[in-house]
C-alpha atoms as a PDB file:
ATOM      1  CA  MET A   1     -33.972  32.502  51.921  1.00  0.00           C
ATOM      2  CA  GLY A   2     -30.215  32.778  52.735  1.00  0.00           C
ATOM      3  CA  GLU A   3     -27.135  34.069  50.786  1.00  0.00           C
ATOM      4  CA  LEU A   4     -26.658  30.458  49.583  1.00  0.00           C
ATOM      5  CA  SER A   5     -30.074  30.135  47.887  1.00  0.00           C
ATOM      6  CA  LEU A   6     -29.653  33.688  46.476  1.00  0.00           C
ATOM      7  CA  ASN A   7     -26.328  32.787  44.933  1.00  0.00           C
ATOM      8  CA  LEU A   8     -27.634  29.494  43.454  1.00  0.00           C
ATOM      9  CA  SER A   9     -30.914  30.713  42.042  1.00  0.00           C
ATOM     10  CA  GLN A  10     -29.440  34.274  40.870  1.00  0.00           C
ATOM     11  CA  THR A  11     -26.480  32.426  39.289  1.00  0.00           C
ATOM     12  CA  ARG A  12     -28.718  29.827  37.529  1.00  0.00           C
ATOM     13  CA  GLN A  13     -30.955  32.712  36.135  1.00  0.00           C
ATOM     14  CA  ALA A  14     -27.998  34.866  35.051  1.00  0.00           C
ATOM     15  CA  ARG A  15     -26.827  31.936  32.904  1.00  0.00           C
ATOM     16  CA  GLY A  16     -30.257  31.568  31.320  1.00  0.00           C
ATOM     17  CA  LEU A  17     -30.789  28.094  32.736  1.00  0.00           C
ATOM     18  CA  THR A  18     -34.009  26.630  33.946  1.00  0.00           C
ATOM     19  CA  LEU A  19     -34.437  23.911  36.687  1.00  0.00           C
ATOM     20  CA  ASP A  20     -35.116  21.590  33.910  1.00  0.00           C
ATOM     21  CA  ASP A  21     -31.829  22.377  32.268  1.00  0.00           C
ATOM     22  CA  ALA A  22     -30.061  21.756  35.619  1.00  0.00           C
ATOM     23  CA  GLU A  23     -31.948  18.360  36.324  1.00  0.00           C
ATOM     24  CA  ARG A  24     -30.822  17.074  32.785  1.00  0.00           C
ATOM     25  CA  SER A  25     -27.221  18.017  33.086  1.00  0.00           C
ATOM     26  CA  THR A  26     -26.583  17.114  36.780  1.00  0.00           C
ATOM     27  CA  ARG A  27     -28.946  14.049  37.050  1.00  0.00           C
ATOM     28  CA  ILE A  28     -30.090  15.592  40.373  1.00  0.00           C
ATOM     29  CA  ALA A  29     -33.957  15.491  40.792  1.00  0.00           C
ATOM     30  CA  LYS A  30     -35.639  18.849  40.585  1.00  0.00           C
ATOM     31  CA  LYS A  31     -37.014  18.700  43.961  1.00  0.00           C
ATOM     32  CA  PHE A  32     -33.680  18.503  45.513  1.00  0.00           C
ATOM     33  CA  LEU A  33     -32.275  21.538  43.194  1.00  0.00           C
ATOM     34  CA  ILE A  34     -35.357  23.523  44.539  1.00  0.00           C
ATOM     35  CA  ALA A  35     -34.478  22.443  48.255  1.00  0.00           C
ATOM     36  CA  LEU A  36     -30.962  23.611  47.753  1.00  0.00           C
ATOM     37  CA  GLU A  37     -32.143  26.974  46.405  1.00  0.00           C
ATOM     38  CA  ASP A  38     -34.534  27.388  49.001  1.00  0.00           C
ATOM     39  CA  HIS A  39     -32.282  26.313  51.784  1.00  0.00           C
ATOM     40  CA  ASN A  40     -34.515  23.530  52.793  1.00  0.00           C
ATOM     41  CA  TYR A  41     -32.568  20.485  53.805  1.00  0.00           C
ATOM     42  CA  SER A  42     -35.263  18.545  55.603  1.00  0.00           C
ATOM     43  CA  ILE A  43     -36.044  16.350  52.472  1.00  0.00           C
ATOM     44  CA  PHE A  44     -32.400  14.987  52.209  1.00  0.00           C
ATOM     45  CA  PRO A  45     -32.256  11.509  53.765  1.00  0.00           C
ATOM     46  CA  ALA A  46     -28.856  12.402  55.072  1.00  0.00           C
ATOM     47  CA  PRO A  47     -26.195  15.320  55.342  1.00  0.00           C
ATOM     48  CA  VAL A  48     -24.121  13.311  52.827  1.00  0.00           C
ATOM     49  CA  TYR A  49     -26.635  13.834  50.042  1.00  0.00           C
ATOM     50  CA  ALA A  50     -27.143  17.581  50.731  1.00  0.00           C
ATOM     51  CA  ARG A  51     -23.181  17.983  50.489  1.00  0.00           C
ATOM     52  CA  GLY A  52     -22.874  15.837  47.433  1.00  0.00           C
ATOM     53  CA  PHE A  53     -25.898  17.490  45.549  1.00  0.00           C
ATOM     54  CA  LEU A  54     -24.687  20.994  46.582  1.00  0.00           C
ATOM     55  CA  ARG A  55     -20.982  20.405  45.399  1.00  0.00           C
ATOM     56  CA  SER A  56     -22.365  19.045  41.995  1.00  0.00           C
ATOM     57  CA  TYR A  57     -24.759  21.935  41.577  1.00  0.00           C
ATOM     58  CA  CYS A  58     -22.155  24.388  42.375  1.00  0.00           C
ATOM     59  CA  ARG A  59     -19.798  22.938  39.875  1.00  0.00           C
ATOM     60  CA  TYR A  60     -22.394  22.983  37.234  1.00  0.00           C
ATOM     61  CA  LEU A  61     -23.031  26.614  37.822  1.00  0.00           C
ATOM     62  CA  GLY A  62     -19.385  27.512  38.009  1.00  0.00           C
ATOM     63  CA  ILE A  63     -19.376  28.536  41.671  1.00  0.00           C
ATOM     64  CA  ASP A  64     -16.803  27.338  44.096  1.00  0.00           C
ATOM     65  CA  PRO A  65     -18.491  24.824  46.341  1.00  0.00           C
ATOM     66  CA  GLU A  66     -16.395  25.374  49.540  1.00  0.00           C
ATOM     67  CA  PRO A  67     -17.861  28.719  50.603  1.00  0.00           C
ATOM     68  CA  GLN A  68     -21.340  27.342  49.851  1.00  0.00           C
ATOM     69  CA  LEU A  69     -20.720  24.137  51.752  1.00  0.00           C
ATOM     70  CA  ALA A  70     -19.654  26.309  54.744  1.00  0.00           C
ATOM     71  CA  GLU A  71     -23.036  27.874  54.984  1.00  0.00           C
ATOM     72  CA  LEU A  72     -24.848  24.680  55.656  1.00  0.00           C
ATOM     73  CA  PRO A  73     -26.253  24.142  59.022  1.00  0.00           C
ATOM     74  CA  GLN A  74     -23.878  23.114  61.875  1.00  0.00           C
ATOM     75  CA  GLY A  75     -23.179  19.511  61.662  1.00  0.00           C
ATOM     76  CA  TRP A  76     -23.963  19.471  57.839  1.00  0.00           C
ATOM     77  CA  ALA A  77     -21.132  21.477  56.468  1.00  0.00           C
ATOM     78  CA  ALA A  78     -18.222  18.760  57.091  1.00  0.00           C
ATOM     79  CA  ALA A  79     -18.209  15.005  56.457  1.00  0.00           C
ATOM     80  CA  PRO A  80     -18.178  12.871  59.608  1.00  0.00           C
ATOM     81  CA  PRO A  81     -14.576  12.465  60.772  1.00  0.00           C
ATOM     82  CA  VAL A  82     -12.870   9.160  59.697  1.00  0.00           C
ATOM     83  CA  GLN A  83     -11.738   7.080  62.551  1.00  0.00           C
ATOM     84  CA  THR A  84      -7.996   6.154  61.945  1.00  0.00           C
ATOM     85  CA  GLU A  85      -7.197   4.253  65.151  1.00  0.00           C
ATOM     86  CA  PRO A  86      -9.070   1.377  66.684  1.00  0.00           C
ATOM     87  CA  VAL A  87     -11.011   2.371  69.826  1.00  0.00           C
ATOM     88  CA  ARG A  88     -10.703   0.059  72.714  1.00  0.00           C
ATOM     89  CA  ALA A  89     -13.989  -1.411  73.811  1.00  0.00           C
ATOM     90  CA  THR A  90     -14.792  -0.124  77.195  1.00  0.00           C
ATOM     91  CA  ARG A  91     -17.963   0.578  79.119  1.00  0.00           C
ATOM     92  CA  ALA A  92     -17.708   4.387  78.542  1.00  0.00           C
ATOM     93  CA  SER A  93     -17.031   4.118  74.730  1.00  0.00           C
ATOM     94  CA  ARG A  94     -19.864   1.494  73.970  1.00  0.00           C
ATOM     95  CA  PRO A  95     -22.574   4.304  73.194  1.00  0.00           C
ATOM     96  CA  ALA A  96     -20.359   5.652  70.372  1.00  0.00           C
ATOM     97  CA  VAL A  97     -21.167   2.476  68.374  1.00  0.00           C
ATOM     98  CA  GLU A  98     -24.631   3.610  68.094  1.00  0.00           C
ATOM     99  CA  ARG A  99     -23.635   6.315  65.558  1.00  0.00           C
ATOM    100  CA  GLN A 100     -23.423   3.820  62.823  1.00  0.00           C
ATOM    101  CA  PRO A 101     -20.719   5.593  60.531  1.00  0.00           C
ATOM    102  CA  ARG A 102     -21.262   3.346  57.653  1.00  0.00           C
ATOM    103  CA  GLN A 103     -24.929   3.981  57.137  1.00  0.00           C
ATOM    104  CA  PRO A 104     -24.566   6.881  54.532  1.00  0.00           C
ATOM    105  CA  MET A 105     -22.550   4.469  52.283  1.00  0.00           C
ATOM    106  CA  GLU A 106     -25.200   1.892  52.270  1.00  0.00           C
ATOM    107  CA  ILE A 107     -27.646   4.382  51.171  1.00  0.00           C
ATOM    108  CA  ASN A 108     -25.230   5.938  48.585  1.00  0.00           C
ATOM    109  CA  TYR A 109     -25.226   2.458  46.871  1.00  0.00           C
ATOM    110  CA  GLY A 110     -28.969   2.721  46.273  1.00  0.00           C
ATOM    111  CA  TRP A 111     -28.543   6.106  44.556  1.00  0.00           C
ATOM    112  CA  LEU A 112     -25.586   4.505  42.512  1.00  0.00           C
ATOM    113  CA  VAL A 113     -27.964   1.888  41.249  1.00  0.00           C
ATOM    114  CA  ILE A 114     -30.559   4.524  40.254  1.00  0.00           C
ATOM    115  CA  GLY A 115     -27.946   6.521  38.468  1.00  0.00           C
ATOM    116  CA  VAL A 116     -26.641   3.599  36.433  1.00  0.00           C
ATOM    117  CA  ALA A 117     -30.159   2.647  35.551  1.00  0.00           C
ATOM    118  CA  TRP A 118     -30.935   6.187  34.197  1.00  0.00           C
ATOM    119  CA  ALA A 119     -27.526   6.159  32.370  1.00  0.00           C
ATOM    120  CA  ALA A 120     -28.448   2.814  30.781  1.00  0.00           C
ATOM    121  CA  VAL A 121     -32.005   4.031  29.666  1.00  0.00           C
ATOM    122  CA  LEU A 122     -30.355   7.191  28.142  1.00  0.00           C
ATOM    123  CA  ILE A 123     -27.765   5.303  26.209  1.00  0.00           C
ATOM    124  CA  GLY A 124     -30.186   2.730  25.072  1.00  0.00           C
ATOM    125  CA  GLY A 125     -32.518   5.364  23.744  1.00  0.00           C
ATOM    126  CA  PHE A 126     -29.652   7.220  22.081  1.00  0.00           C
ATOM    127  CA  LEU A 127     -28.597   3.824  20.355  1.00  0.00           C
ATOM    128  CA  TYR A 128     -32.165   3.086  19.331  1.00  0.00           C
ATOM    129  CA  THR A 129     -32.507   6.595  17.727  1.00  0.00           C
ATOM    130  CA  ARG A 130     -29.244   6.367  15.983  1.00  0.00           C
ATOM    131  CA  GLY A 131     -30.153   2.877  14.823  1.00  0.00           C
ATOM    132  CA  GLU A 132     -33.500   4.066  13.454  1.00  0.00           C
ATOM    133  CA  GLU A 133     -31.925   6.903  11.481  1.00  0.00           C
ATOM    134  CA  GLY A 134     -29.229   4.549  10.152  1.00  0.00           C
ATOM    135  CA  LEU A 135     -31.921   2.245   8.458  1.00  0.00           C
ATOM    136  CA  THR A 136     -32.330   4.894   5.656  1.00  0.00           C
ATOM    137  CA  ASP A 137     -28.556   4.963   4.944  1.00  0.00           C
ATOM    138  CA  PHE A 138     -28.089   1.436   4.165  1.00  0.00           C
ATOM    139  CA  GLY A 139     -29.218  -1.294   1.807  1.00  0.00           C
ATOM    140  CA  PRO A 140     -30.675  -0.996  -1.686  1.00  0.00           C
ATOM    141  CA  GLN A 141     -33.637   1.495  -2.088  1.00  0.00           C
ATOM    142  CA  SER A 142     -36.151   1.108  -4.774  1.00  0.00           C
ATOM    143  CA  PRO A 143     -36.680   4.320  -7.084  1.00  0.00           C
ATOM    144  CA  THR A 144     -40.167   5.934  -6.995  1.00  0.00           C
ATOM    145  CA  GLN A 145     -42.135   5.974 -10.065  1.00  0.00           C
ATOM    146  CA  GLY A 146     -41.130   9.440 -11.075  1.00  0.00           C
ATOM    147  CA  GLN A 147     -37.502   8.503 -10.674  1.00  0.00           C
ATOM    148  CA  GLN A 148     -38.009   5.284 -12.604  1.00  0.00           C
ATOM    149  CA  GLN A 149     -39.498   7.388 -15.398  1.00  0.00           C
ATOM    150  CA  ASP A 150     -36.626   9.749 -15.405  1.00  0.00           C
ATOM    151  CA  LEU A 151     -34.105   6.770 -15.609  1.00  0.00           C
ATOM    152  CA  ASN A 152     -36.003   5.457 -18.556  1.00  0.00           C
ATOM    153  CA  ARG A 153     -35.950   8.731 -20.325  1.00  0.00           C
ATOM    154  CA  ASP A 154     -32.340   8.978 -19.748  1.00  0.00           C
ATOM    155  CA  HIS A 155     -31.761   5.975 -21.940  1.00  0.00           C
ATOM    156  CA  MET A 156     -34.130   6.963 -24.677  1.00  0.00           C
ATOM    157  CA  THR A 157     -33.286   8.669 -28.033  1.00  0.00           C
ATOM    158  CA  PRO A 158     -35.036  12.177 -28.721  1.00  0.00           C
ATOM    159  CA  SER A 159     -37.279  10.312 -31.036  1.00  0.00           C
ATOM    160  CA  GLU A 160     -38.370   7.817 -28.426  1.00  0.00           C
ATOM    161  CA  VAL A 161     -38.945  10.591 -25.994  1.00  0.00           C
ATOM    162  CA  LEU A 162     -41.140  12.259 -28.620  1.00  0.00           C
ATOM    163  CA  ALA A 163     -43.122   9.166 -29.268  1.00  0.00           C
ATOM    164  CA  SER A 164     -43.860   8.595 -25.435  1.00  0.00           C
ATOM    165  CA  THR A 165     -45.507  12.107 -24.997  1.00  0.00           C
ATOM    166  CA  PRO A 166     -48.919  11.871 -23.586  1.00  0.00           C
ATOM    167  CA  ALA A 167     -51.803  13.120 -25.668  1.00  0.00           C
ATOM    168  CA  GLY A 168     -52.671  16.729 -25.043  1.00  0.00           C
ATOM    169  CA  THR A 169     -49.158  17.679 -24.088  1.00  0.00           C
ATOM    170  CA  MET A 170     -46.613  19.525 -26.013  1.00  0.00           C
ATOM    171  CA  ALA A 171     -43.661  17.273 -26.910  1.00  0.00           C
ATOM    172  CA  SER A 172     -39.964  18.106 -26.753  1.00  0.00           C
ATOM    173  CA  PHE A 173     -38.683  18.468 -30.321  1.00  0.00           C
ATOM    174  CA  THR A 174     -35.199  19.702 -29.592  1.00  0.00           C
ATOM    175  CA  GLY A 175     -32.731  17.166 -31.158  1.00  0.00           C
ATOM    176  CA  VAL A 176     -35.457  15.443 -33.308  1.00  0.00           C
ATOM    177  CA  SER A 177     -35.285  15.236 -36.983  1.00  0.00           C
ATOM    178  CA  LEU A 178     -37.784  17.522 -38.959  1.00  0.00           C
ATOM    179  CA  ASP A 179     -39.443  14.518 -40.604  1.00  0.00           C
ATOM    180  CA  ASP A 180     -40.120  12.788 -37.261  1.00  0.00           C
ATOM    181  CA  SER A 181     -41.337  16.123 -35.858  1.00  0.00           C
ATOM    182  CA  LEU A 182     -43.692  16.964 -38.574  1.00  0.00           C
ATOM    183  CA  ALA A 183     -44.993  13.477 -38.521  1.00  0.00           C
ATOM    184  CA  PHE A 184     -45.745  13.685 -34.935  1.00  0.00           C
ATOM    185  CA  LEU A 185     -47.481  17.115 -35.336  1.00  0.00           C
ATOM    186  CA  LYS A 186     -49.712  15.641 -38.102  1.00  0.00           C
ATOM    187  CA  ASP A 187     -50.599  12.719 -36.211  1.00  0.00           C
ATOM    188  CA  ARG A 188     -51.638  15.000 -33.277  1.00  0.00           C
ATOM    189  CA  ASN A 189     -53.505  17.237 -35.565  1.00  0.00           C
ATOM    190  CA  LEU A 190     -51.261  20.260 -35.039  1.00  0.00           C
ATOM    191  CA  SER A 191     -50.282  22.904 -37.434  1.00  0.00           C
ATOM    192  CA  TYR A 192     -46.699  23.918 -37.932  1.00  0.00           C
ATOM    193  CA  LEU A 193     -44.396  26.545 -39.101  1.00  0.00           C
ATOM    194  CA  VAL A 194     -40.628  25.750 -39.753  1.00  0.00           C
ATOM    195  CA  ILE A 195     -37.921  28.470 -39.574  1.00  0.00           C
ATOM    196  CA  GLU A 196     -34.634  27.478 -41.103  1.00  0.00           C
ATOM    197  CA  ALA A 197     -31.578  28.892 -39.334  1.00  0.00           C
ATOM    198  CA  ALA A 198     -27.873  28.610 -40.072  1.00  0.00           C
ATOM    199  CA  ASP A 199     -26.061  26.662 -37.377  1.00  0.00           C
ATOM    200  CA  PRO A 200     -22.784  25.103 -38.038  1.00  0.00           C
ATOM    201  CA  ASN A 201     -22.811  22.968 -34.765  1.00  0.00           C
ATOM    202  CA  VAL A 202     -26.052  21.194 -35.368  1.00  0.00           C
ATOM    203  CA  PRO A 203     -26.807  18.864 -38.500  1.00  0.00           C
ATOM    204  CA  ALA A 204     -29.023  20.233 -41.073  1.00  0.00           C
ATOM    205  CA  GLY A 205     -32.729  19.138 -40.555  1.00  0.00           C
ATOM    206  CA  THR A 206     -32.442  18.801 -36.755  1.00  0.00           C
ATOM    207  CA  VAL A 207     -34.843  20.868 -34.542  1.00  0.00           C
ATOM    208  CA  ILE A 208     -32.922  23.385 -32.288  1.00  0.00           C
ATOM    209  CA  ASN A 209     -35.831  25.403 -30.815  1.00  0.00           C
ATOM    210  CA  GLN A 210     -39.524  25.392 -30.536  1.00  0.00           C
ATOM    211  CA  SER A 211     -42.648  27.474 -29.394  1.00  0.00           C
ATOM    212  CA  PRO A 212     -44.728  26.570 -27.371  1.00  0.00           C
ATOM    213  CA  ALA A 213     -42.333  24.954 -25.072  1.00  0.00           C
ATOM    214  CA  SER A 214     -42.332  21.231 -24.207  1.00  0.00           C
ATOM    215  CA  GLY A 215     -44.861  20.340 -21.510  1.00  0.00           C
ATOM    216  CA  ALA A 216     -47.484  23.087 -22.495  1.00  0.00           C
ATOM    217  CA  ARG A 217     -51.066  21.827 -23.043  1.00  0.00           C
ATOM    218  CA  THR A 218     -52.108  21.543 -26.794  1.00  0.00           C
ATOM    219  CA  ALA A 219     -55.377  21.909 -28.683  1.00  0.00           C
ATOM    220  CA  ASP A 220     -56.385  20.904 -32.122  1.00  0.00           C
ATOM    221  CA  GLY A 221     -55.192  23.264 -34.871  1.00  0.00           C
ATOM    222  CA  MET A 222     -52.503  24.837 -32.581  1.00  0.00           C
ATOM    223  CA  ILE A 223     -49.658  26.303 -34.570  1.00  0.00           C
ATOM    224  CA  VAL A 224     -46.287  25.032 -33.458  1.00  0.00           C
ATOM    225  CA  THR A 225     -43.230  26.895 -34.580  1.00  0.00           C
ATOM    226  CA  LEU A 226     -39.931  24.909 -35.029  1.00  0.00           C
ATOM    227  CA  THR A 227     -36.651  26.262 -35.594  1.00  0.00           C
ATOM    228  CA  VAL A 228     -34.505  23.901 -37.637  1.00  0.00           C
ATOM    229  CA  SER A 229     -30.966  23.858 -38.388  1.00  0.00           C
ATOM    230  CA  ALA A 230     -30.136  24.496 -42.042  1.00  0.00           C
ATOM    231  CA  GLY A 231     -26.423  23.537 -41.527  1.00  0.00           C
ATOM    232  CA  PRO A 232     -23.395  25.994 -41.684  1.00  0.00           C
ATOM    233  CA  THR A 233     -25.306  28.348 -44.125  1.00  0.00           C
ATOM    234  CA  ALA A 234     -28.697  29.139 -45.015  1.00  0.00           C
ATOM    235  CA  GLY A 235     -30.134  30.018 -48.223  1.00  0.00           C
ATOM    236  CA  ASN A 236     -29.243  33.561 -49.580  1.00  0.00           C
ATOM    237  CA  THR A 237     -32.542  34.054 -51.492  1.00  0.00           C
ATOM    238  CA  ILE A 238     -35.207  35.778 -49.546  1.00  0.00           C
ATOM    239  CA  ARG A 239     -38.717  35.838 -50.424  1.00  0.00           C
ATOM    240  CA  THR A 240     -40.452  39.193 -49.859  1.00  0.00           C
ATOM    241  CA  ASP A 241     -44.017  38.556 -50.723  1.00  0.00           C
ATOM    242  CA  CYS A 242     -46.433  38.578 -47.821  1.00  0.00           C
ATOM    243  CA  ALA A 243     -49.013  36.270 -49.393  1.00  0.00           C
ATOM    244  CA  VAL A 244     -46.351  33.771 -50.370  1.00  0.00           C
ATOM    245  CA  LEU A 245     -44.760  33.719 -46.839  1.00  0.00           C
ATOM    246  CA  ALA A 246     -48.251  33.684 -45.253  1.00  0.00           C
ATOM    247  CA  SER A 247     -48.913  30.382 -46.963  1.00  0.00           C
ATOM    248  CA  ALA A 248     -45.508  28.870 -46.502  1.00  0.00           C
ATOM    249  CA  GLN A 249     -44.843  26.475 -43.661  1.00  0.00           C
ATOM    250  CA  VAL A 250     -41.098  26.591 -44.072  1.00  0.00           C
ATOM    251  CA  ARG A 251     -39.132  30.110 -43.962  1.00  0.00           C
ATOM    252  CA  THR A 252     -35.607  31.033 -43.493  1.00  0.00           C
ATOM    253  CA  THR A 253     -34.644  33.206 -40.323  1.00  0.00           C
ATOM    254  CA  ALA A 254     -34.306  36.352 -42.706  1.00  0.00           C
ATOM    255  CA  GLU A 255     -37.700  35.669 -44.407  1.00  0.00           C
ATOM    256  CA  GLN A 256     -39.349  35.281 -40.904  1.00  0.00           C
ATOM    257  CA  ALA A 257     -37.737  38.577 -39.814  1.00  0.00           C
ATOM    258  CA  TRP A 258     -39.037  40.296 -42.990  1.00  0.00           C
ATOM    259  CA  PHE A 259     -42.500  38.846 -42.619  1.00  0.00           C
ATOM    260  CA  GLN A 260     -42.866  39.833 -38.970  1.00  0.00           C
ATOM    261  CA  SER A 261     -41.761  43.537 -39.860  1.00  0.00           C
ATOM    262  CA  ASN A 262     -43.829  43.814 -43.018  1.00  0.00           C
ATOM    263  CA  CYS A 263     -46.641  41.464 -43.243  1.00  0.00           C
ATOM    264  CA  ASN A 264     -48.128  40.520 -39.747  1.00  0.00           C
ATOM    265  CA  GLY A 265     -51.693  41.882 -39.671  1.00  0.00           C
ATOM    266  CA  SER A 266     -51.578  43.185 -43.065  1.00  0.00           C
ATOM    267  CA  THR A 267     -52.292  39.959 -44.988  1.00  0.00           C
ATOM    268  CA  PRO A 268     -55.502  38.216 -44.547  1.00  0.00           C
ATOM    269  CA  ASN A 269     -55.355  34.707 -42.762  1.00  0.00           C
ATOM    270  CA  ALA A 270     -51.650  35.423 -41.888  1.00  0.00           C
ATOM    271  CA  PRO A 271     -50.790  33.153 -39.048  1.00  0.00           C
ATOM    272  CA  SER A 272     -49.721  34.871 -35.781  1.00  0.00           C
ATOM    273  CA  VAL A 273     -46.219  33.845 -35.590  1.00  0.00           C
ATOM    274  CA  GLN A 274     -44.120  34.200 -32.272  1.00  0.00           C
ATOM    275  CA  PRO A 275     -40.373  35.117 -32.655  1.00  0.00           C
ATOM    276  CA  THR A 276     -38.227  32.041 -32.415  1.00  0.00           C
ATOM    277  CA  THR A 277     -34.859  33.704 -32.986  1.00  0.00           C
ATOM    278  CA  LEU A 278     -32.800  36.422 -31.299  1.00  0.00           C
ATOM    279  CA  PRO A 279     -33.162  39.956 -32.600  1.00  0.00           C
ATOM    280  CA  ASN A 280     -30.740  40.953 -35.453  1.00  0.00           C
ATOM    281  CA  ARG A 281     -27.816  43.205 -34.220  1.00  0.00           C
ATOM    282  CA  THR A 282     -27.275  46.438 -35.991  1.00  0.00           C
ATOM    283  CA  THR A 283     -23.739  47.480 -35.037  1.00  0.00           C
ATOM    284  CA  CYS A 284     -20.456  46.197 -36.340  1.00  0.00           C
ATOM    285  CA  ALA A 285     -18.969  46.016 -32.793  1.00  0.00           C
ATOM    286  CA  GLU A 286     -21.738  43.527 -31.691  1.00  0.00           C
ATOM    287  CA  ILE A 287     -21.600  41.321 -34.744  1.00  0.00           C
ATOM    288  CA  ALA A 288     -17.661  41.197 -35.123  1.00  0.00           C
ATOM    289  CA  GLY A 289     -16.061  37.879 -34.028  1.00  0.00           C
ATOM    290  CA  THR A 290     -19.502  36.109 -33.576  1.00  0.00           C
ATOM    291  CA  GLN A 291     -21.667  33.996 -35.599  1.00  0.00           C
ATOM    292  CA  TYR A 292     -24.369  35.467 -37.664  1.00  0.00           C
ATOM    293  CA  ARG A 293     -27.915  35.168 -36.344  1.00  0.00           C
ATOM    294  CA  SER A 294     -29.394  35.560 -39.673  1.00  0.00           C
ATOM    295  CA  ASP A 295     -28.819  36.370 -43.393  1.00  0.00           C
ATOM    296  CA  VAL A 296     -29.902  39.877 -42.493  1.00  0.00           C
ATOM    297  CA  GLU A 297     -27.059  40.248 -40.240  1.00  0.00           C
ATOM    298  CA  MET A 298     -24.495  38.746 -42.576  1.00  0.00           C
ATOM    299  CA  ASN A 299     -25.318  40.975 -45.338  1.00  0.00           C
ATOM    300  CA  PHE A 300     -25.360  44.163 -43.052  1.00  0.00           C
ATOM    301  CA  PHE A 301     -22.010  43.117 -41.821  1.00  0.00           C
ATOM    302  CA  ARG A 302     -20.589  42.448 -45.244  1.00  0.00           C
ATOM    303  CA  ASN A 303     -21.906  45.679 -46.674  1.00  0.00           C
ATOM    304  CA  ASN A 304     -20.982  47.913 -43.709  1.00  0.00           C
ATOM    305  CA  CYS A 305     -18.380  46.480 -41.480  1.00  0.00           C
ATOM    306  CA  THR A 306     -15.779  45.015 -43.924  1.00  0.00           C
ATOM    307  CA  SER A 307     -13.174  46.967 -45.935  1.00  0.00           C
ATOM    308  CA  ASN A 308     -13.066  46.120 -49.674  1.00  0.00           C
END
């Protein structure tokens, strides 16, 4: 293997390229690329192909082709001289006609046809692939069943969404009136506990929170806790009797906080109640400038954080 083949092979490998990469980029058959790297010119049909392929391969690898062409075997490195003046036909010059200088050009047309055919195949495949991808970008598309259900729910009121809840699934009560929520719970044989909370932004009698969350599995007798807006202010009277609160299905947030602190586990048959409101804050800095979370917070702030 000569200096030429070493330069070609080493340069290709240094650039991290394979023969397949070079074949795709140069459109030169791999067998010819291997022949160039191995300094084997016997497979080329004529010197013009060896020179043309070598020049293209060098340019692809970023090598100056002229020094590489100079290393070709004698008679292969340079193109045949072009005859610029007509030669008189004499008996001595007749053998020169047998060299047929136009023959390489005729074979070159064959390779040109092959190259055009390959280009047409590649372009056709590219356009076909783009067309297949484009089919998904145009034209109306029918929504899937899940998407259609979501579209239908977007146009339904909270009460209609509540009524469409499948059996055995916890409904979404947020935004639904307390009367509709309780009717639904009774129809599904579910128990309930209502916590009234002051909320100036939500109309009184509207559910603002729930436990368990919507989508959970339900069972007969399950206790569902609904936090309901009592309007701008909740009642100031707080019941502090464990037995009374244990049997009550409607409590204020202050009563619920008192019941959880003093009665859970101490009163027989007391329902297990999960917290449905934020914990009460116990510092003036935390409460100042915000809405009260409960009557307990309001009384604490008025008694300890305001000046008479």
